[in-house]
Every structure is written in C-alpha cells, then in structure tokens.
Amino acid sequence: MDIKPIRCEQDYREALREVSRFFNDEPKPETPDGDRFEILLTIVEAWEARHYPIGHPDPVEAIKFRMEQGGLTAKDIAPAIGKTSRVYEILNRKRRLTLAMIQKLHTLFGIPAESLIQPQ
C-alpha cells in the first residue's frame, strides 16, 4: 500500500481524487481496497479538521435544528426559555439568550453549550 501523509494542498486534492472513485462503489471492509479506502478517509478527515474546521452553529440555528430534529414546538421549549412569546422573540432574534436559558436549553434538550454561547 503506497499511501502517504497529506502535507500540502496538492496531496489533499490527490487523496480526494482517489477517495472519490470509491464513493459510488464502496469496497467491502477488510479487503485491500476496503483498507485503502478507510485509511484514505482517515487522513483526509484529519487534514480537513486541521485546515477547514467547521465552527459551531449560531445559537438560534442550533435551537431550530433541535426543534426540527425532535419535532418540538415553541411551547415544548418554553420551560427552558420562558413564555412562548419569549421563545418567538429568541427565534426571531429580537432577544438574546441569557445564561439561565443557555443552561436550561443544554440540560433539558441536550443542545451543546458551545453552540448556544456563540455570538448571535
């Protein structure tokens, strides 16, 4: 197996090209092609994490995502924020989250605190 580390953008593009040929016909695990695919994915993901990091979502988007994911309504998340009207103020960006709201949203709904403390 002649796999090398990704050291520059050109190495990254070459690794992507090689990985992409496996996407439509993913090799079986524990085969030579399967091992190659797995190793290439690992080094590509490591390069991307280092050079193209994805930040945390905006707090309002994080709340909306959790609501959509869990089929929740404004009334459902009111215990963490206050009255339903306050929930709509937050979702419409008319009011900012307080520390108490952030703590409750994290505790009650599992929304990552890192996402909730991002600037709106």
Protein backbone atom coordinates (compact mmCIF):
# COMPACT_ATOMS: atom_id res chain seq x y z
CA MET A 1 0.00 0.00 0.00
CA ASP A 2 1.60 3.26 -1.08
CA ILE A 3 -0.38 5.76 0.98
CA LYS A 4 1.48 8.83 2.17
CA PRO A 5 0.59 11.62 4.58
CA ILE A 6 -1.12 14.74 3.30
CA ARG A 7 1.42 17.54 3.62
CA CYS A 8 0.10 20.15 1.19
CA GLU A 9 -2.98 21.16 -0.78
CA GLN A 10 -1.86 19.15 -3.80
CA ASP A 11 -1.54 15.98 -1.68
CA TYR A 12 -5.02 16.71 -0.32
CA ARG A 13 -6.52 17.04 -3.82
CA GLU A 14 -4.86 13.80 -4.92
CA ALA A 15 -6.19 11.94 -1.87
CA LEU A 16 -9.68 13.34 -2.54
CA ARG A 17 -9.50 12.18 -6.13
CA GLU A 18 -8.55 8.69 -5.06
CA VAL A 19 -11.20 8.51 -2.33
CA SER A 20 -13.92 9.79 -4.66
CA ARG A 21 -13.56 6.83 -7.00
CA PHE A 22 -14.70 4.58 -4.14
CA PHE A 23 -17.85 6.57 -3.30
CA ASN A 24 -20.12 5.05 -5.96
CA ASP A 25 -18.86 1.54 -5.37
CA GLU A 26 -17.64 1.39 -1.78
CA PRO A 27 -15.26 -1.54 -1.26
CA LYS A 28 -16.00 -4.23 1.27
CA PRO A 29 -14.34 -3.83 4.68
CA GLU A 30 -11.25 -5.91 5.43
CA THR A 31 -10.23 -6.18 1.79
CA PRO A 32 -7.18 -4.44 0.31
CA ASP A 33 -9.39 -1.80 -1.35
CA GLY A 34 -11.51 -1.50 1.80
CA ASP A 35 -8.43 -0.93 3.94
CA ARG A 36 -7.08 1.62 1.45
CA PHE A 37 -10.41 3.45 1.43
CA GLU A 38 -10.57 3.54 5.25
CA ILE A 39 -7.02 4.84 5.61
CA LEU A 40 -7.53 7.49 2.94
CA LEU A 41 -10.74 8.68 4.60
CA THR A 42 -8.93 8.94 7.92
CA ILE A 43 -6.10 11.09 6.59
CA VAL A 44 -8.48 13.25 4.52
CA GLU A 45 -10.70 13.85 7.57
CA ALA A 46 -7.66 14.74 9.69
CA TRP A 47 -6.44 17.24 7.07
CA GLU A 48 -9.88 18.82 6.75
CA ALA A 49 -10.31 19.10 10.52
CA ARG A 50 -6.97 20.90 10.75
CA HIS A 51 -7.27 23.13 7.67
CA TYR A 52 -11.01 23.57 7.14
CA PRO A 53 -12.58 23.47 10.61
CA ILE A 54 -16.33 23.77 10.86
CA GLY A 55 -17.43 26.12 13.61
CA HIS A 56 -20.37 25.74 15.89
CA PRO A 57 -23.75 26.86 14.58
CA ASP A 58 -25.40 30.10 15.53
CA PRO A 59 -27.42 29.71 18.79
CA VAL A 60 -30.79 30.32 17.12
CA GLU A 61 -29.98 27.84 14.35
CA ALA A 62 -28.91 25.28 16.98
CA ILE A 63 -32.27 25.69 18.75
CA LYS A 64 -34.22 25.47 15.49
CA PHE A 65 -32.28 22.36 14.49
CA ARG A 66 -33.06 20.65 17.81
CA MET A 67 -36.71 21.63 17.47
CA GLU A 68 -36.88 20.21 13.96
CA GLN A 69 -34.93 17.11 14.93
CA GLY A 70 -37.21 16.35 17.88
CA GLY A 71 -40.49 17.58 16.39
CA LEU A 72 -40.63 20.25 19.10
CA THR A 73 -42.73 23.39 19.11
CA ALA A 74 -42.17 26.74 20.80
CA LYS A 75 -44.42 25.54 23.60
CA ASP A 76 -42.19 22.48 24.11
CA ILE A 77 -39.06 24.56 24.68
CA ALA A 78 -40.79 27.24 26.75
CA PRO A 79 -39.68 25.56 30.03
CA ALA A 80 -36.10 26.45 29.12
CA ILE A 81 -36.77 29.97 27.87
CA GLY A 82 -39.92 31.29 29.49
CA LYS A 83 -43.28 32.09 27.96
CA THR A 84 -44.00 31.05 24.38
CA SER A 85 -43.85 34.69 23.33
CA ARG A 86 -40.30 34.86 24.70
CA VAL A 87 -39.40 31.76 22.66
CA TYR A 88 -40.55 33.54 19.50
CA GLU A 89 -38.54 36.62 20.44
CA ILE A 90 -35.44 34.43 20.69
CA LEU A 91 -36.19 32.55 17.45
CA ASN A 92 -36.81 35.83 15.61
CA ARG A 93 -33.59 37.30 17.04
CA LYS A 94 -35.39 40.09 18.87
CA ARG A 95 -33.98 38.98 22.23
CA ARG A 96 -30.71 37.33 23.24
CA LEU A 97 -30.34 34.18 25.28
CA THR A 98 -29.50 34.62 28.94
CA LEU A 99 -27.09 32.40 30.83
CA ALA A 100 -30.03 30.72 32.60
CA MET A 101 -31.70 29.98 29.24
CA ILE A 102 -28.46 28.57 27.84
CA GLN A 103 -28.05 26.28 30.85
CA LYS A 104 -31.65 25.04 30.63
CA LEU A 105 -31.53 24.50 26.85
CA HIS A 106 -28.37 22.49 27.32
CA THR A 107 -29.68 20.46 30.25
CA LEU A 108 -33.24 19.85 29.06
CA PHE A 109 -32.67 19.45 25.33
CA GLY A 110 -29.02 18.47 25.01
CA ILE A 111 -28.14 21.43 22.80
CA PRO A 112 -24.35 21.81 23.01
CA ALA A 113 -23.43 24.75 25.23
CA GLU A 114 -20.64 25.61 22.77
CA SER A 115 -23.30 26.34 20.14
CA LEU A 116 -25.53 28.34 22.50
CA ILE A 117 -22.75 30.70 23.61
CA GLN A 118 -21.75 31.71 20.07
CA PRO A 119 -22.41 35.34 19.13
CA GLN A 120 -25.79 35.83 17.51
